Amino acid sequence: MKVKKMIAPIVITILLIIYLSLFIWGWSYINAPFWVKVIGIIIPVFLIGTSIFVLVERIKEIRSGDEDDLSKY
């Protein structure tokens, strides 16, 4: 039962990583100043890292059985 609840966050995270990777690939090929390229690459990398962190937290939450975040407040 817990595996079914993990499928959606994992699929969404994978799709987001693919989408952001295309941005990184695109920024690496445009003709722009170096600092513009660096910023255009750093932001998607940061977002990929954040989405992986959130996925790990969500998986821990599902495994611990604490499904409802609103119950904490």
N, C-alpha and C. Protein backbone atom coordinates (compact mmCIF):
# COMPACT_ATOMS: atom_id res chain seq x y z
N MET A 1 0.82 -1.19 0.00
CA MET A 1 0.00 0.00 0.00
C MET A 1 0.87 1.26 0.00
N LYS A 2 1.97 1.24 0.74
CA LYS A 2 2.85 2.41 0.81
C LYS A 2 3.57 2.65 -0.51
N VAL A 3 3.82 1.58 -1.27
CA VAL A 3 4.52 1.72 -2.54
C VAL A 3 3.67 2.51 -3.53
N LYS A 4 2.37 2.31 -3.51
CA LYS A 4 1.48 3.04 -4.41
C LYS A 4 1.51 4.53 -4.12
N LYS A 5 1.67 4.89 -2.85
CA LYS A 5 1.70 6.30 -2.47
C LYS A 5 3.02 6.95 -2.86
N MET A 6 4.05 6.16 -3.07
CA MET A 6 5.36 6.69 -3.44
C MET A 6 5.50 6.89 -4.95
N ILE A 7 4.68 6.24 -5.73
CA ILE A 7 4.83 6.29 -7.19
C ILE A 7 4.65 7.71 -7.73
N ALA A 8 3.60 8.40 -7.33
CA ALA A 8 3.33 9.74 -7.87
C ALA A 8 4.45 10.73 -7.57
N PRO A 9 4.93 10.84 -6.31
CA PRO A 9 6.03 11.79 -6.07
C PRO A 9 7.30 11.45 -6.84
N ILE A 10 7.59 10.16 -7.00
CA ILE A 10 8.79 9.75 -7.73
C ILE A 10 8.65 10.10 -9.21
N VAL A 11 7.50 9.82 -9.80
CA VAL A 11 7.29 10.12 -11.22
C VAL A 11 7.35 11.62 -11.47
N ILE A 12 6.70 12.40 -10.62
CA ILE A 12 6.71 13.86 -10.78
C ILE A 12 8.13 14.40 -10.65
N THR A 13 8.89 13.89 -9.70
CA THR A 13 10.26 14.35 -9.52
C THR A 13 11.12 13.99 -10.73
N ILE A 14 10.96 12.81 -11.26
CA ILE A 14 11.72 12.41 -12.46
C ILE A 14 11.38 13.31 -13.64
N LEU A 15 10.09 13.58 -13.84
CA LEU A 15 9.68 14.47 -14.94
C LEU A 15 10.24 15.88 -14.75
N LEU A 16 10.23 16.37 -13.52
CA LEU A 16 10.77 17.69 -13.23
C LEU A 16 12.27 17.74 -13.49
N ILE A 17 12.98 16.69 -13.11
CA ILE A 17 14.42 16.64 -13.35
C ILE A 17 14.72 16.62 -14.85
N ILE A 18 13.94 15.88 -15.61
CA ILE A 18 14.13 15.85 -17.07
C ILE A 18 13.88 17.24 -17.65
N TYR A 19 12.80 17.88 -17.23
CA TYR A 19 12.45 19.22 -17.71
C TYR A 19 13.54 20.24 -17.39
N LEU A 20 14.02 20.23 -16.16
CA LEU A 20 15.06 21.18 -15.76
C LEU A 20 16.39 20.85 -16.43
N SER A 21 16.64 19.58 -16.70
CA SER A 21 17.87 19.20 -17.41
C SER A 21 17.88 19.75 -18.82
N LEU A 22 16.71 19.82 -19.43
CA LEU A 22 16.62 20.43 -20.76
C LEU A 22 16.96 21.92 -20.70
N PHE A 23 16.56 22.58 -19.62
CA PHE A 23 16.96 23.98 -19.44
C PHE A 23 18.47 24.11 -19.31
N ILE A 24 19.07 23.23 -18.53
CA ILE A 24 20.53 23.26 -18.36
C ILE A 24 21.21 23.05 -19.71
N TRP A 25 20.73 22.07 -20.46
CA TRP A 25 21.30 21.78 -21.78
C TRP A 25 21.15 22.99 -22.69
N GLY A 26 19.98 23.61 -22.67
CA GLY A 26 19.74 24.78 -23.51
C GLY A 26 20.61 25.96 -23.14
N TRP A 27 20.76 26.22 -21.86
CA TRP A 27 21.60 27.34 -21.42
C TRP A 27 23.07 27.11 -21.76
N SER A 28 23.49 25.86 -21.83
CA SER A 28 24.89 25.61 -22.13
C SER A 28 25.22 25.87 -23.60
N TYR A 29 24.19 25.92 -24.47
CA TYR A 29 24.43 26.11 -25.89
C TYR A 29 24.08 27.50 -26.42
N ILE A 30 23.50 28.38 -25.59
CA ILE A 30 23.15 29.70 -26.10
C ILE A 30 24.38 30.59 -26.18
N ASN A 31 24.29 31.59 -27.02
CA ASN A 31 25.38 32.55 -27.18
C ASN A 31 25.10 33.73 -26.25
N ALA A 32 25.65 33.66 -25.05
CA ALA A 32 25.43 34.69 -24.03
C ALA A 32 26.72 34.85 -23.23
N PRO A 33 26.83 35.95 -22.49
CA PRO A 33 28.01 36.10 -21.63
C PRO A 33 28.10 34.95 -20.62
N PHE A 34 29.32 34.71 -20.18
CA PHE A 34 29.58 33.58 -19.28
C PHE A 34 28.75 33.65 -18.02
N TRP A 35 28.65 34.83 -17.40
CA TRP A 35 27.92 34.94 -16.13
C TRP A 35 26.43 34.68 -16.33
N VAL A 36 25.89 34.99 -17.48
CA VAL A 36 24.48 34.70 -17.76
C VAL A 36 24.28 33.20 -17.87
N LYS A 37 25.21 32.53 -18.53
CA LYS A 37 25.15 31.07 -18.63
C LYS A 37 25.23 30.42 -17.26
N VAL A 38 26.14 30.93 -16.43
CA VAL A 38 26.32 30.35 -15.09
C VAL A 38 25.04 30.48 -14.28
N ILE A 39 24.43 31.65 -14.30
CA ILE A 39 23.18 31.85 -13.56
C ILE A 39 22.07 30.98 -14.14
N GLY A 40 22.02 30.90 -15.47
CA GLY A 40 21.01 30.07 -16.12
C GLY A 40 21.17 28.59 -15.86
N ILE A 41 22.36 28.17 -15.47
CA ILE A 41 22.60 26.77 -15.15
C ILE A 41 22.46 26.52 -13.65
N ILE A 42 22.89 27.46 -12.82
CA ILE A 42 22.85 27.28 -11.37
C ILE A 42 21.42 27.19 -10.85
N ILE A 43 20.53 28.01 -11.37
CA ILE A 43 19.15 28.01 -10.88
C ILE A 43 18.46 26.65 -11.10
N PRO A 44 18.50 26.06 -12.31
CA PRO A 44 17.89 24.73 -12.46
C PRO A 44 18.58 23.65 -11.62
N VAL A 45 19.90 23.74 -11.45
CA VAL A 45 20.61 22.77 -10.61
C VAL A 45 20.11 22.87 -9.17
N PHE A 46 19.94 24.09 -8.69
CA PHE A 46 19.42 24.30 -7.34
C PHE A 46 18.00 23.73 -7.22
N LEU A 47 17.17 23.95 -8.22
CA LEU A 47 15.80 23.43 -8.20
C LEU A 47 15.77 21.90 -8.25
N ILE A 48 16.68 21.30 -9.00
CA ILE A 48 16.77 19.84 -9.03
C ILE A 48 17.15 19.31 -7.65
N GLY A 49 18.14 19.93 -7.03
CA GLY A 49 18.55 19.51 -5.68
C GLY A 49 17.42 19.66 -4.68
N THR A 50 16.68 20.75 -4.77
CA THR A 50 15.56 20.97 -3.86
C THR A 50 14.46 19.94 -4.08
N SER A 51 14.17 19.62 -5.32
CA SER A 51 13.11 18.64 -5.59
C SER A 51 13.51 17.25 -5.10
N ILE A 52 14.78 16.90 -5.20
CA ILE A 52 15.25 15.61 -4.68
C ILE A 52 15.15 15.59 -3.16
N PHE A 53 15.52 16.69 -2.53
CA PHE A 53 15.41 16.79 -1.06
C PHE A 53 13.95 16.62 -0.63
N VAL A 54 13.03 17.30 -1.31
CA VAL A 54 11.61 17.20 -0.97
C VAL A 54 11.10 15.78 -1.21
N LEU A 55 11.56 15.13 -2.27
CA LEU A 55 11.16 13.74 -2.53
C LEU A 55 11.61 12.82 -1.40
N VAL A 56 12.85 12.98 -0.96
CA VAL A 56 13.36 12.14 0.13
C VAL A 56 12.54 12.37 1.40
N GLU A 57 12.22 13.63 1.70
CA GLU A 57 11.41 13.94 2.87
C GLU A 57 10.02 13.31 2.75
N ARG A 58 9.44 13.36 1.57
CA ARG A 58 8.10 12.79 1.35
C ARG A 58 8.13 11.28 1.50
N ILE A 59 9.17 10.63 1.01
CA ILE A 59 9.28 9.18 1.16
C ILE A 59 9.42 8.81 2.63
N LYS A 60 10.21 9.57 3.37
CA LYS A 60 10.33 9.32 4.82
C LYS A 60 8.98 9.48 5.50
N GLU A 61 8.24 10.49 5.10
CA GLU A 61 6.92 10.75 5.67
C GLU A 61 5.96 9.60 5.39
N ILE A 62 5.99 9.09 4.17
CA ILE A 62 5.11 7.98 3.81
C ILE A 62 5.49 6.72 4.60
N ARG A 63 6.78 6.46 4.71
CA ARG A 63 7.23 5.26 5.44
C ARG A 63 6.91 5.34 6.93
N SER A 64 6.95 6.54 7.49
CA SER A 64 6.68 6.66 8.92
C SER A 64 5.18 6.62 9.21
N GLY A 65 4.35 6.74 8.17
CA GLY A 65 2.92 6.66 8.36
C GLY A 65 2.28 8.00 8.68
N ASP A 66 3.07 9.06 8.70
CA ASP A 66 2.54 10.39 8.99
C ASP A 66 2.10 11.04 7.69
N GLU A 67 0.92 10.65 7.23
CA GLU A 67 0.43 11.09 5.93
C GLU A 67 -0.08 12.52 5.92
N ASP A 68 -0.71 12.93 7.00
CA ASP A 68 -1.40 14.21 7.02
C ASP A 68 -0.54 15.26 7.70
N ASP A 69 0.05 16.15 6.91
CA ASP A 69 0.86 17.22 7.47
C ASP A 69 0.03 18.18 8.29
N LEU A 70 -1.22 18.35 7.96
CA LEU A 70 -2.06 19.29 8.68
C LEU A 70 -2.34 18.87 10.11
N SER A 71 -2.16 17.59 10.41
CA SER A 71 -2.41 17.12 11.79
C SER A 71 -1.37 17.66 12.76
N LYS A 72 -0.24 18.16 12.25
CA LYS A 72 0.81 18.71 13.11
C LYS A 72 0.45 20.10 13.62
N TYR A 73 -0.50 20.75 12.96
CA TYR A 73 -0.78 22.15 13.28
C TYR A 73 -2.14 22.32 13.93
